[in-house]
Structure formats: C-alpha cells, structure tokens
Amino acid sequence: MMDKLVNFKADFFKALANPLRIKILDCLRDGELTVSDIRDRLEIELPNVSQQLAVLKAKNLVISRKQGNNIYYACSDKKIFTLLDIAKKIFNSHLNDIQKTLKQL
C-alpha cells in the first residue's frame, strides 16, 4: 500500500517536472482559459499547449469544459498554487544559500 502512495506522489511530481506545464498552471491562477488564450499568453505553438494540457488533465491537475467551439481549462484544485508558491520559496532559499557561499569564495 505504501508503495502505491509513493508511486502516486512520484507520478504527480513528474507532471510538474516540465517548465511549460508549470507556466500553463501559472496562467490558470486567475481562472479558466482556452487553449488559444494560453497559447497567446505563452507565445508557443498550439500543439505544444494541447500536448501539455493533456498530461496535466491525465494527472487530474486541470479540468476542462466545452462551450461552443472552445474548450476551457481550469486548475482542478487551487491548492496546487500553494504548492508551487512554497516550492518557489524553497528554491529562492537555496539560491540565497548558494549566493552566500559564492561570495565567501
């Protein structure tokens, strides 16, 4: 049972291991967007956006709804933004430590 939980966590973090997927999630902080909206904000090709959204959707990190010809995407759980914000704080802390070490050298 514990192995399943660890594997689930690893798969979850694999979904976040791509910079473009993190950028897409950051775009969705303020609410749902279409694929075209995301493409325009990130200035990347539509197939790339669609491919990464498919990964995020497969891991239940985003949800979608169709309205007319548009598909709208939204973050499935706003707590993901808390996780991303905490990760940013951890990375900034590490960078500060590295900068201090470099100055000492």
PDB file of N, CA and C in Angstrom:
ATOM      1  N   MET A   1       0.823  -1.199   0.000  1.00  0.00           N
ATOM      2  CA  MET A   1       0.000   0.000   0.000  1.00  0.00           C
ATOM      3  C   MET A   1       0.866   1.262   0.000  1.00  0.00           C
ATOM      4  N   MET A   2       1.939   1.257   0.796  1.00  0.00           N
ATOM      5  CA  MET A   2       2.820   2.407   0.875  1.00  0.00           C
ATOM      6  C   MET A   2       3.500   2.668  -0.470  1.00  0.00           C
ATOM      7  N   ASP A   3       3.868   1.591  -1.184  1.00  0.00           N
ATOM      8  CA  ASP A   3       4.494   1.746  -2.493  1.00  0.00           C
ATOM      9  C   ASP A   3       3.561   2.442  -3.471  1.00  0.00           C
ATOM     10  N   LYS A   4       2.273   2.139  -3.404  1.00  0.00           N
ATOM     11  CA  LYS A   4       1.307   2.785  -4.300  1.00  0.00           C
ATOM     12  C   LYS A   4       1.236   4.281  -4.031  1.00  0.00           C
ATOM     13  N   LEU A   5       1.270   4.654  -2.776  1.00  0.00           N
ATOM     14  CA  LEU A   5       1.227   6.065  -2.417  1.00  0.00           C
ATOM     15  C   LEU A   5       2.492   6.783  -2.892  1.00  0.00           C
ATOM     16  N   VAL A   6       3.623   6.155  -2.683  1.00  0.00           N
ATOM     17  CA  VAL A   6       4.892   6.750  -3.123  1.00  0.00           C
ATOM     18  C   VAL A   6       4.907   6.879  -4.639  1.00  0.00           C
ATOM     19  N   ASN A   7       4.437   5.874  -5.347  1.00  0.00           N
ATOM     20  CA  ASN A   7       4.372   5.937  -6.814  1.00  0.00           C
ATOM     21  C   ASN A   7       3.413   7.019  -7.278  1.00  0.00           C
ATOM     22  N   PHE A   8       2.290   7.152  -6.585  1.00  0.00           N
ATOM     23  CA  PHE A   8       1.329   8.206  -6.921  1.00  0.00           C
ATOM     24  C   PHE A   8       1.974   9.581  -6.770  1.00  0.00           C
ATOM     25  N   LYS A   9       2.692   9.777  -5.670  1.00  0.00           N
ATOM     26  CA  LYS A   9       3.372  11.055  -5.435  1.00  0.00           C
ATOM     27  C   LYS A   9       4.418  11.320  -6.519  1.00  0.00           C
ATOM     28  N   ALA A  10       5.173  10.295  -6.862  1.00  0.00           N
ATOM     29  CA  ALA A  10       6.211  10.457  -7.885  1.00  0.00           C
ATOM     30  C   ALA A  10       5.585  10.831  -9.229  1.00  0.00           C
ATOM     31  N   ASP A  11       4.495  10.167  -9.592  1.00  0.00           N
ATOM     32  CA  ASP A  11       3.803  10.495 -10.850  1.00  0.00           C
ATOM     33  C   ASP A  11       3.253  11.917 -10.825  1.00  0.00           C
ATOM     34  N   PHE A  12       2.740  12.320  -9.680  1.00  0.00           N
ATOM     35  CA  PHE A  12       2.219  13.675  -9.526  1.00  0.00           C
ATOM     36  C   PHE A  12       3.324  14.699  -9.788  1.00  0.00           C
ATOM     37  N   PHE A  13       4.483  14.482  -9.167  1.00  0.00           N
ATOM     38  CA  PHE A  13       5.583  15.428  -9.339  1.00  0.00           C
ATOM     39  C   PHE A  13       6.194  15.348 -10.733  1.00  0.00           C
ATOM     40  N   LYS A  14       6.112  14.196 -11.385  1.00  0.00           N
ATOM     41  CA  LYS A  14       6.564  14.104 -12.779  1.00  0.00           C
ATOM     42  C   LYS A  14       5.741  15.032 -13.664  1.00  0.00           C
ATOM     43  N   ALA A  15       4.457  15.136 -13.358  1.00  0.00           N
ATOM     44  CA  ALA A  15       3.591  16.022 -14.145  1.00  0.00           C
ATOM     45  C   ALA A  15       4.007  17.473 -13.987  1.00  0.00           C
ATOM     46  N   LEU A  16       4.630  17.797 -12.868  1.00  0.00           N
ATOM     47  CA  LEU A  16       5.092  19.168 -12.615  1.00  0.00           C
ATOM     48  C   LEU A  16       6.547  19.369 -13.041  1.00  0.00           C
ATOM     49  N   ALA A  17       7.170  18.337 -13.571  1.00  0.00           N
ATOM     50  CA  ALA A  17       8.593  18.391 -13.893  1.00  0.00           C
ATOM     51  C   ALA A  17       8.895  19.072 -15.221  1.00  0.00           C
ATOM     52  N   ASN A  18       7.886  19.584 -15.884  1.00  0.00           N
ATOM     53  CA  ASN A  18       8.079  20.237 -17.167  1.00  0.00           C
ATOM     54  C   ASN A  18       7.824  21.735 -17.013  1.00  0.00           C
ATOM     55  N   PRO A  19       8.779  22.574 -17.402  1.00  0.00           N
ATOM     56  CA  PRO A  19       8.599  24.026 -17.230  1.00  0.00           C
ATOM     57  C   PRO A  19       7.352  24.570 -17.924  1.00  0.00           C
ATOM     58  N   LEU A  20       7.018  24.035 -19.080  1.00  0.00           N
ATOM     59  CA  LEU A  20       5.842  24.523 -19.796  1.00  0.00           C
ATOM     60  C   LEU A  20       4.563  24.202 -19.035  1.00  0.00           C
ATOM     61  N   ARG A  21       4.511  23.046 -18.413  1.00  0.00           N
ATOM     62  CA  ARG A  21       3.315  22.696 -17.630  1.00  0.00           C
ATOM     63  C   ARG A  21       3.174  23.621 -16.429  1.00  0.00           C
ATOM     64  N   ILE A  22       4.270  23.993 -15.819  1.00  0.00           N
ATOM     65  CA  ILE A  22       4.206  24.936 -14.696  1.00  0.00           C
ATOM     66  C   ILE A  22       3.751  26.306 -15.198  1.00  0.00           C
ATOM     67  N   LYS A  23       4.243  26.726 -16.354  1.00  0.00           N
ATOM     68  CA  LYS A  23       3.807  28.005 -16.933  1.00  0.00           C
ATOM     69  C   LYS A  23       2.305  27.978 -17.225  1.00  0.00           C
ATOM     70  N   ILE A  24       1.820  26.861 -17.724  1.00  0.00           N
ATOM     71  CA  ILE A  24       0.388  26.728 -18.015  1.00  0.00           C
ATOM     72  C   ILE A  24      -0.418  26.843 -16.720  1.00  0.00           C
ATOM     73  N   LEU A  25       0.018  26.138 -15.684  1.00  0.00           N
ATOM     74  CA  LEU A  25      -0.687  26.230 -14.403  1.00  0.00           C
ATOM     75  C   LEU A  25      -0.673  27.661 -13.881  1.00  0.00           C
ATOM     76  N   ASP A  26       0.460  28.339 -14.013  1.00  0.00           N
ATOM     77  CA  ASP A  26       0.527  29.737 -13.572  1.00  0.00           C
ATOM     78  C   ASP A  26      -0.452  30.611 -14.350  1.00  0.00           C
ATOM     79  N   CYS A  27      -0.649  30.329 -15.627  1.00  0.00           N
ATOM     80  CA  CYS A  27      -1.630  31.078 -16.425  1.00  0.00           C
ATOM     81  C   CYS A  27      -3.046  30.880 -15.897  1.00  0.00           C
ATOM     82  N   LEU A  28      -3.291  29.721 -15.318  1.00  0.00           N
ATOM     83  CA  LEU A  28      -4.638  29.380 -14.854  1.00  0.00           C
ATOM     84  C   LEU A  28      -4.923  29.863 -13.428  1.00  0.00           C
ATOM     85  N   ARG A  29      -3.987  30.577 -12.838  1.00  0.00           N
ATOM     86  CA  ARG A  29      -4.192  31.078 -11.465  1.00  0.00           C
ATOM     87  C   ARG A  29      -5.430  31.967 -11.355  1.00  0.00           C
ATOM     88  N   ASP A  30      -5.675  32.774 -12.363  1.00  0.00           N
ATOM     89  CA  ASP A  30      -6.781  33.742 -12.298  1.00  0.00           C
ATOM     90  C   ASP A  30      -8.091  33.198 -12.851  1.00  0.00           C
ATOM     91  N   GLY A  31      -8.101  31.947 -13.275  1.00  0.00           N
ATOM     92  CA  GLY A  31      -9.340  31.377 -13.784  1.00  0.00           C
ATOM     93  C   GLY A  31      -9.128  30.623 -15.076  1.00  0.00           C
ATOM     94  N   GLU A  32     -10.213  30.158 -15.612  1.00  0.00           N
ATOM     95  CA  GLU A  32     -10.133  29.301 -16.783  1.00  0.00           C
ATOM     96  C   GLU A  32      -9.750  30.078 -18.037  1.00  0.00           C
ATOM     97  N   LEU A  33      -9.100  29.354 -18.952  1.00  0.00           N
ATOM     98  CA  LEU A  33      -8.661  29.919 -20.223  1.00  0.00           C
ATOM     99  C   LEU A  33      -8.841  28.879 -21.320  1.00  0.00           C
ATOM    100  N   THR A  34      -8.973  29.361 -22.542  1.00  0.00           N
ATOM    101  CA  THR A  34      -8.995  28.446 -23.680  1.00  0.00           C
ATOM    102  C   THR A  34      -7.556  28.094 -24.058  1.00  0.00           C
ATOM    103  N   VAL A  35      -7.421  27.078 -24.888  1.00  0.00           N
ATOM    104  CA  VAL A  35      -6.103  26.700 -25.390  1.00  0.00           C
ATOM    105  C   VAL A  35      -5.479  27.884 -26.124  1.00  0.00           C
ATOM    106  N   SER A  36      -6.291  28.599 -26.894  1.00  0.00           N
ATOM    107  CA  SER A  36      -5.788  29.758 -27.639  1.00  0.00           C
ATOM    108  C   SER A  36      -5.330  30.866 -26.701  1.00  0.00           C
ATOM    109  N   ASP A  37      -6.067  31.078 -25.627  1.00  0.00           N
ATOM    110  CA  ASP A  37      -5.656  32.084 -24.634  1.00  0.00           C
ATOM    111  C   ASP A  37      -4.283  31.736 -24.056  1.00  0.00           C
ATOM    112  N   ILE A  38      -4.113  30.472 -23.707  1.00  0.00           N
ATOM    113  CA  ILE A  38      -2.839  30.025 -23.133  1.00  0.00           C
ATOM    114  C   ILE A  38      -1.733  30.173 -24.167  1.00  0.00           C
ATOM    115  N   ARG A  39      -2.008  29.763 -25.393  1.00  0.00           N
ATOM    116  CA  ARG A  39      -1.022  29.892 -26.470  1.00  0.00           C
ATOM    117  C   ARG A  39      -0.577  31.342 -26.624  1.00  0.00           C
ATOM    118  N   ASP A  40      -1.537  32.247 -26.631  1.00  0.00           N
ATOM    119  CA  ASP A  40      -1.218  33.670 -26.815  1.00  0.00           C
ATOM    120  C   ASP A  40      -0.404  34.216 -25.643  1.00  0.00           C
ATOM    121  N   ARG A  41      -0.743  33.820 -24.428  1.00  0.00           N
ATOM    122  CA  ARG A  41      -0.018  34.316 -23.255  1.00  0.00           C
ATOM    123  C   ARG A  41       1.414  33.794 -23.197  1.00  0.00           C
ATOM    124  N   LEU A  42       1.598  32.544 -23.598  1.00  0.00           N
ATOM    125  CA  LEU A  42       2.919  31.929 -23.511  1.00  0.00           C
ATOM    126  C   LEU A  42       3.708  32.029 -24.816  1.00  0.00           C
ATOM    127  N   GLU A  43       3.034  32.437 -25.875  1.00  0.00           N
ATOM    128  CA  GLU A  43       3.663  32.578 -27.196  1.00  0.00           C
ATOM    129  C   GLU A  43       4.347  31.290 -27.637  1.00  0.00           C
ATOM    130  N   ILE A  44       3.585  30.191 -27.576  1.00  0.00           N
ATOM    131  CA  ILE A  44       4.082  28.903 -28.040  1.00  0.00           C
ATOM    132  C   ILE A  44       3.057  28.293 -28.991  1.00  0.00           C
ATOM    133  N   GLU A  45       3.475  27.278 -29.708  1.00  0.00           N
ATOM    134  CA  GLU A  45       2.611  26.644 -30.696  1.00  0.00           C
ATOM    135  C   GLU A  45       1.445  25.905 -30.036  1.00  0.00           C
ATOM    136  N   LEU A  46       0.302  25.945 -30.714  1.00  0.00           N
ATOM    137  CA  LEU A  46      -0.915  25.315 -30.208  1.00  0.00           C
ATOM    138  C   LEU A  46      -0.746  23.825 -29.900  1.00  0.00           C
ATOM    139  N   PRO A  47      -0.076  23.052 -30.777  1.00  0.00           N
ATOM    140  CA  PRO A  47       0.098  21.626 -30.450  1.00  0.00           C
ATOM    141  C   PRO A  47       0.874  21.393 -29.146  1.00  0.00           C
ATOM    142  N   ASN A  48       1.846  22.250 -28.868  1.00  0.00           N
ATOM    143  CA  ASN A  48       2.606  22.118 -27.621  1.00  0.00           C
ATOM    144  C   ASN A  48       1.706  22.360 -26.418  1.00  0.00           C
ATOM    145  N   VAL A  49       0.861  23.386 -26.501  1.00  0.00           N
ATOM    146  CA  VAL A  49      -0.071  23.674 -25.406  1.00  0.00           C
ATOM    147  C   VAL A  49      -1.012  22.487 -25.202  1.00  0.00           C
ATOM    148  N   SER A  50      -1.578  22.006 -26.286  1.00  0.00           N
ATOM    149  CA  SER A  50      -2.528  20.891 -26.204  1.00  0.00           C
ATOM    150  C   SER A  50      -1.882  19.645 -25.613  1.00  0.00           C
ATOM    151  N   GLN A  51      -0.656  19.358 -26.023  1.00  0.00           N
ATOM    152  CA  GLN A  51       0.052  18.182 -25.520  1.00  0.00           C
ATOM    153  C   GLN A  51       0.277  18.288 -24.011  1.00  0.00           C
ATOM    154  N   GLN A  52       0.701  19.440 -23.549  1.00  0.00           N
ATOM    155  CA  GLN A  52       0.973  19.608 -22.124  1.00  0.00           C
ATOM    156  C   GLN A  52      -0.315  19.637 -21.307  1.00  0.00           C
ATOM    157  N   LEU A  53      -1.360  20.221 -21.867  1.00  0.00           N
ATOM    158  CA  LEU A  53      -2.658  20.199 -21.180  1.00  0.00           C
ATOM    159  C   LEU A  53      -3.164  18.767 -21.033  1.00  0.00           C
ATOM    160  N   ALA A  54      -2.911  17.935 -22.033  1.00  0.00           N
ATOM    161  CA  ALA A  54      -3.332  16.534 -21.963  1.00  0.00           C
ATOM    162  C   ALA A  54      -2.631  15.816 -20.808  1.00  0.00           C
ATOM    163  N   VAL A  55      -1.356  16.105 -20.611  1.00  0.00           N
ATOM    164  CA  VAL A  55      -0.620  15.498 -19.493  1.00  0.00           C
ATOM    165  C   VAL A  55      -1.202  15.981 -18.165  1.00  0.00           C
ATOM    166  N   LEU A  56      -1.421  17.285 -18.061  1.00  0.00           N
ATOM    167  CA  LEU A  56      -1.979  17.844 -16.829  1.00  0.00           C
ATOM    168  C   LEU A  56      -3.369  17.284 -16.545  1.00  0.00           C
ATOM    169  N   LYS A  57      -4.150  17.107 -17.588  1.00  0.00           N
ATOM    170  CA  LYS A  57      -5.502  16.567 -17.415  1.00  0.00           C
ATOM    171  C   LYS A  57      -5.444  15.093 -17.006  1.00  0.00           C
ATOM    172  N   ALA A  58      -4.523  14.338 -17.600  1.00  0.00           N
ATOM    173  CA  ALA A  58      -4.386  12.921 -17.255  1.00  0.00           C
ATOM    174  C   ALA A  58      -4.004  12.734 -15.794  1.00  0.00           C
ATOM    175  N   LYS A  59      -3.293  13.697 -15.231  1.00  0.00           N
ATOM    176  CA  LYS A  59      -2.894  13.642 -13.818  1.00  0.00           C
ATOM    177  C   LYS A  59      -3.878  14.389 -12.922  1.00  0.00           C
ATOM    178  N   ASN A  60      -5.026  14.778 -13.485  1.00  0.00           N
ATOM    179  CA  ASN A  60      -6.088  15.463 -12.744  1.00  0.00           C
ATOM    180  C   ASN A  60      -5.656  16.793 -12.155  1.00  0.00           C
ATOM    181  N   LEU A  61      -4.711  17.462 -12.802  1.00  0.00           N
ATOM    182  CA  LEU A  61      -4.274  18.781 -12.346  1.00  0.00           C
ATOM    183  C   LEU A  61      -5.079  19.893 -12.998  1.00  0.00           C
ATOM    184  N   VAL A  62      -5.687  19.600 -14.142  1.00  0.00           N
ATOM    185  CA  VAL A  62      -6.592  20.557 -14.774  1.00  0.00           C
ATOM    186  C   VAL A  62      -7.877  19.834 -15.164  1.00  0.00           C
ATOM    187  N   ILE A  63      -8.914  20.624 -15.278  1.00  0.00           N
ATOM    188  CA  ILE A  63     -10.201  20.131 -15.768  1.00  0.00           C
ATOM    189  C   ILE A  63     -10.564  20.953 -16.987  1.00  0.00           C
ATOM    190  N   SER A  64     -11.491  20.433 -17.775  1.00  0.00           N
ATOM    191  CA  SER A  64     -11.895  21.161 -18.974  1.00  0.00           C
ATOM    192  C   SER A  64     -13.407  21.106 -19.129  1.00  0.00           C
ATOM    193  N   ARG A  65     -13.890  22.089 -19.869  1.00  0.00           N
ATOM    194  CA  ARG A  65     -15.308  22.096 -20.245  1.00  0.00           C
ATOM    195  C   ARG A  65     -15.411  22.686 -21.638  1.00  0.00           C
ATOM    196  N   LYS A  66     -16.351  22.185 -22.392  1.00  0.00           N
ATOM    197  CA  LYS A  66     -16.533  22.661 -23.762  1.00  0.00           C
ATOM    198  C   LYS A  66     -17.710  23.614 -23.806  1.00  0.00           C
ATOM    199  N   GLN A  67     -17.491  24.738 -24.485  1.00  0.00           N
ATOM    200  CA  GLN A  67     -18.555  25.712 -24.704  1.00  0.00           C
ATOM    201  C   GLN A  67     -18.460  26.162 -26.154  1.00  0.00           C
ATOM    202  N   GLY A  68     -19.415  25.753 -26.947  1.00  0.00           N
ATOM    203  CA  GLY A  68     -19.367  26.062 -28.373  1.00  0.00           C
ATOM    204  C   GLY A  68     -18.154  25.376 -28.991  1.00  0.00           C
ATOM    205  N   ASN A  69     -17.351  26.158 -29.700  1.00  0.00           N
ATOM    206  CA  ASN A  69     -16.148  25.613 -30.324  1.00  0.00           C
ATOM    207  C   ASN A  69     -14.929  25.657 -29.407  1.00  0.00           C
ATOM    208  N   ASN A  70     -15.069  26.229 -28.236  1.00  0.00           N
ATOM    209  CA  ASN A  70     -13.941  26.413 -27.335  1.00  0.00           C
ATOM    210  C   ASN A  70     -13.935  25.385 -26.216  1.00  0.00           C
ATOM    211  N   ILE A  71     -12.731  25.001 -25.824  1.00  0.00           N
ATOM    212  CA  ILE A  71     -12.543  24.172 -24.642  1.00  0.00           C
ATOM    213  C   ILE A  71     -11.830  25.045 -23.623  1.00  0.00           C
ATOM    214  N   TYR A  72     -12.433  25.172 -22.457  1.00  0.00           N
ATOM    215  CA  TYR A  72     -11.883  25.979 -21.378  1.00  0.00           C
ATOM    216  C   TYR A  72     -11.198  25.073 -20.369  1.00  0.00           C
ATOM    217  N   TYR A  73     -10.021  25.478 -19.944  1.00  0.00           N
ATOM    218  CA  TYR A  73      -9.261  24.723 -18.947  1.00  0.00           C
ATOM    219  C   TYR A  73      -9.144  25.526 -17.665  1.00  0.00           C
ATOM    220  N   ALA A  74      -9.159  24.810 -16.547  1.00  0.00           N
ATOM    221  CA  ALA A  74      -9.003  25.429 -15.232  1.00  0.00           C
ATOM    222  C   ALA A  74      -8.234  24.461 -14.349  1.00  0.00           C
ATOM    223  N   CYS A  75      -7.608  24.990 -13.340  1.00  0.00           N
ATOM    224  CA  CYS A  75      -6.907  24.155 -12.366  1.00  0.00           C
ATOM    225  C   CYS A  75      -7.959  23.377 -11.575  1.00  0.00           C
ATOM    226  N   SER A  76      -7.711  22.104 -11.369  1.00  0.00           N
ATOM    227  CA  SER A  76      -8.699  21.271 -10.679  1.00  0.00           C
ATOM    228  C   SER A  76      -8.724  21.503  -9.173  1.00  0.00           C
ATOM    229  N   ASP A  77      -7.612  21.995  -8.619  1.00  0.00           N
ATOM    230  CA  ASP A  77      -7.528  22.225  -7.184  1.00  0.00           C
ATOM    231  C   ASP A  77      -6.590  23.409  -6.946  1.00  0.00           C
ATOM    232  N   LYS A  78      -7.119  24.468  -6.399  1.00  0.00           N
ATOM    233  CA  LYS A  78      -6.335  25.697  -6.193  1.00  0.00           C
ATOM    234  C   LYS A  78      -5.149  25.489  -5.245  1.00  0.00           C
ATOM    235  N   LYS A  79      -5.155  24.397  -4.485  1.00  0.00           N
ATOM    236  CA  LYS A  79      -4.030  24.132  -3.582  1.00  0.00           C
ATOM    237  C   LYS A  79      -2.736  23.883  -4.341  1.00  0.00           C
ATOM    238  N   ILE A  80      -2.839  23.550  -5.618  1.00  0.00           N
ATOM    239  CA  ILE A  80      -1.632  23.362  -6.428  1.00  0.00           C
ATOM    240  C   ILE A  80      -0.822  24.654  -6.475  1.00  0.00           C
ATOM    241  N   PHE A  81      -1.500  25.797  -6.444  1.00  0.00           N
ATOM    242  CA  PHE A  81      -0.799  27.083  -6.475  1.00  0.00           C
ATOM    243  C   PHE A  81      -0.029  27.308  -5.171  1.00  0.00           C
ATOM    244  N   THR A  82      -0.592  26.840  -4.073  1.00  0.00           N
ATOM    245  CA  THR A  82       0.116  26.914  -2.789  1.00  0.00           C
ATOM    246  C   THR A  82       1.386  26.074  -2.861  1.00  0.00           C
ATOM    247  N   LEU A  83       1.273  24.881  -3.427  1.00  0.00           N
ATOM    248  CA  LEU A  83       2.435  24.012  -3.587  1.00  0.00           C
ATOM    249  C   LEU A  83       3.506  24.682  -4.441  1.00  0.00           C
ATOM    250  N   LEU A  84       3.101  25.268  -5.560  1.00  0.00           N
ATOM    251  CA  LEU A  84       4.055  25.944  -6.444  1.00  0.00           C
ATOM    252  C   LEU A  84       4.699  27.144  -5.752  1.00  0.00           C
ATOM    253  N   ASP A  85       3.912  27.869  -4.972  1.00  0.00           N
ATOM    254  CA  ASP A  85       4.451  29.026  -4.252  1.00  0.00           C
ATOM    255  C   ASP A  85       5.452  28.600  -3.179  1.00  0.00           C
ATOM    256  N   ILE A  86       5.147  27.517  -2.481  1.00  0.00           N
ATOM    257  CA  ILE A  86       6.074  27.009  -1.467  1.00  0.00           C
ATOM    258  C   ILE A  86       7.361  26.519  -2.132  1.00  0.00           C
ATOM    259  N   ALA A  87       7.228  25.825  -3.252  1.00  0.00           N
ATOM    260  CA  ALA A  87       8.414  25.360  -3.981  1.00  0.00           C
ATOM    261  C   ALA A  87       9.287  26.541  -4.395  1.00  0.00           C
ATOM    262  N   LYS A  88       8.654  27.627  -4.831  1.00  0.00           N
ATOM    263  CA  LYS A  88       9.409  28.822  -5.223  1.00  0.00           C
ATOM    264  C   LYS A  88      10.177  29.385  -4.033  1.00  0.00           C
ATOM    265  N   LYS A  89       9.561  29.401  -2.864  1.00  0.00           N
ATOM    266  CA  LYS A  89      10.246  29.886  -1.662  1.00  0.00           C
ATOM    267  C   LYS A  89      11.439  29.000  -1.310  1.00  0.00           C
ATOM    268  N   ILE A  90      11.267  27.697  -1.439  1.00  0.00           N
ATOM    269  CA  ILE A  90      12.365  26.763  -1.166  1.00  0.00           C
ATOM    270  C   ILE A  90      13.510  27.008  -2.142  1.00  0.00           C
ATOM    271  N   PHE A  91      13.189  27.168  -3.423  1.00  0.00           N
ATOM    272  CA  PHE A  91      14.229  27.394  -4.437  1.00  0.00           C
ATOM    273  C   PHE A  91      14.945  28.713  -4.192  1.00  0.00           C
ATOM    274  N   ASN A  92      14.185  29.742  -3.827  1.00  0.00           N
ATOM    275  CA  ASN A  92      14.803  31.040  -3.538  1.00  0.00           C
ATOM    276  C   ASN A  92      15.741  30.936  -2.339  1.00  0.00           C
ATOM    277  N   SER A  93      15.349  30.188  -1.354  1.00  0.00           N
ATOM    278  CA  SER A  93      16.190  29.990  -0.178  1.00  0.00           C
ATOM    279  C   SER A  93      17.491  29.286  -0.571  1.00  0.00           C
ATOM    280  N   HIS A  94      17.388  28.265  -1.404  1.00  0.00           N
ATOM    281  CA  HIS A  94      18.583  27.559  -1.874  1.00  0.00           C
ATOM    282  C   HIS A  94      19.487  28.488  -2.679  1.00  0.00           C
ATOM    283  N   LEU A  95      18.886  29.306  -3.520  1.00  0.00           N
ATOM    284  CA  LEU A  95      19.683  30.246  -4.321  1.00  0.00           C
ATOM    285  C   LEU A  95      20.411  31.247  -3.431  1.00  0.00           C
ATOM    286  N   ASN A  96      19.726  31.709  -2.403  1.00  0.00           N
ATOM    287  CA  ASN A  96      20.365  32.636  -1.460  1.00  0.00           C
ATOM    288  C   ASN A  96      21.554  31.978  -0.771  1.00  0.00           C
ATOM    289  N   ASP A  97      21.394  30.712  -0.391  1.00  0.00           N
ATOM    290  CA  ASP A  97      22.497  29.991   0.243  1.00  0.00           C
ATOM    291  C   ASP A  97      23.677  29.829  -0.714  1.00  0.00           C
ATOM    292  N   ILE A  98      23.383  29.538  -1.954  1.00  0.00           N
ATOM    293  CA  ILE A  98      24.441  29.382  -2.957  1.00  0.00           C
ATOM    294  C   ILE A  98      25.157  30.716  -3.182  1.00  0.00           C
ATOM    295  N   GLN A  99      24.381  31.803  -3.251  1.00  0.00           N
ATOM    296  CA  GLN A  99      24.994  33.122  -3.435  1.00  0.00           C
ATOM    297  C   GLN A  99      25.904  33.473  -2.264  1.00  0.00           C
ATOM    298  N   LYS A 100      25.484  33.175  -1.052  1.00  0.00           N
ATOM    299  CA  LYS A 100      26.314  33.442   0.124  1.00  0.00           C
ATOM    300  C   LYS A 100      27.618  32.650   0.065  1.00  0.00           C
ATOM    301  N   THR A 101      27.492  31.381  -0.333  1.00  0.00           N
ATOM    302  CA  THR A 101      28.678  30.538  -0.444  1.00  0.00           C
ATOM    303  C   THR A 101      29.637  31.071  -1.501  1.00  0.00           C
ATOM    304  N   LEU A 102      29.100  31.492  -2.633  1.00  0.00           N
ATOM    305  CA  LEU A 102      29.944  32.030  -3.705  1.00  0.00           C
ATOM    306  C   LEU A 102      30.639  33.305  -3.277  1.00  0.00           C
ATOM    307  N   LYS A 103      29.980  34.150  -2.525  1.00  0.00           N
ATOM    308  CA  LYS A 103      30.594  35.390  -2.047  1.00  0.00           C
ATOM    309  C   LYS A 103      31.742  35.100  -1.084  1.00  0.00           C
ATOM    310  N   GLN A 104      31.583  34.043  -0.307  1.00  0.00           N
ATOM    311  CA  GLN A 104      32.630  33.665   0.634  1.00  0.00           C
ATOM    312  C   GLN A 104      33.864  33.127  -0.084  1.00  0.00           C
ATOM    313  N   LEU A 105      33.663  32.584  -1.262  1.00  0.00           N
ATOM    314  CA  LEU A 105      34.792  32.049  -2.022  1.00  0.00           C
ATOM    315  C   LEU A 105      35.534  33.205  -2.655  1.00  0.00           C
TER     316      LEU A 105
END
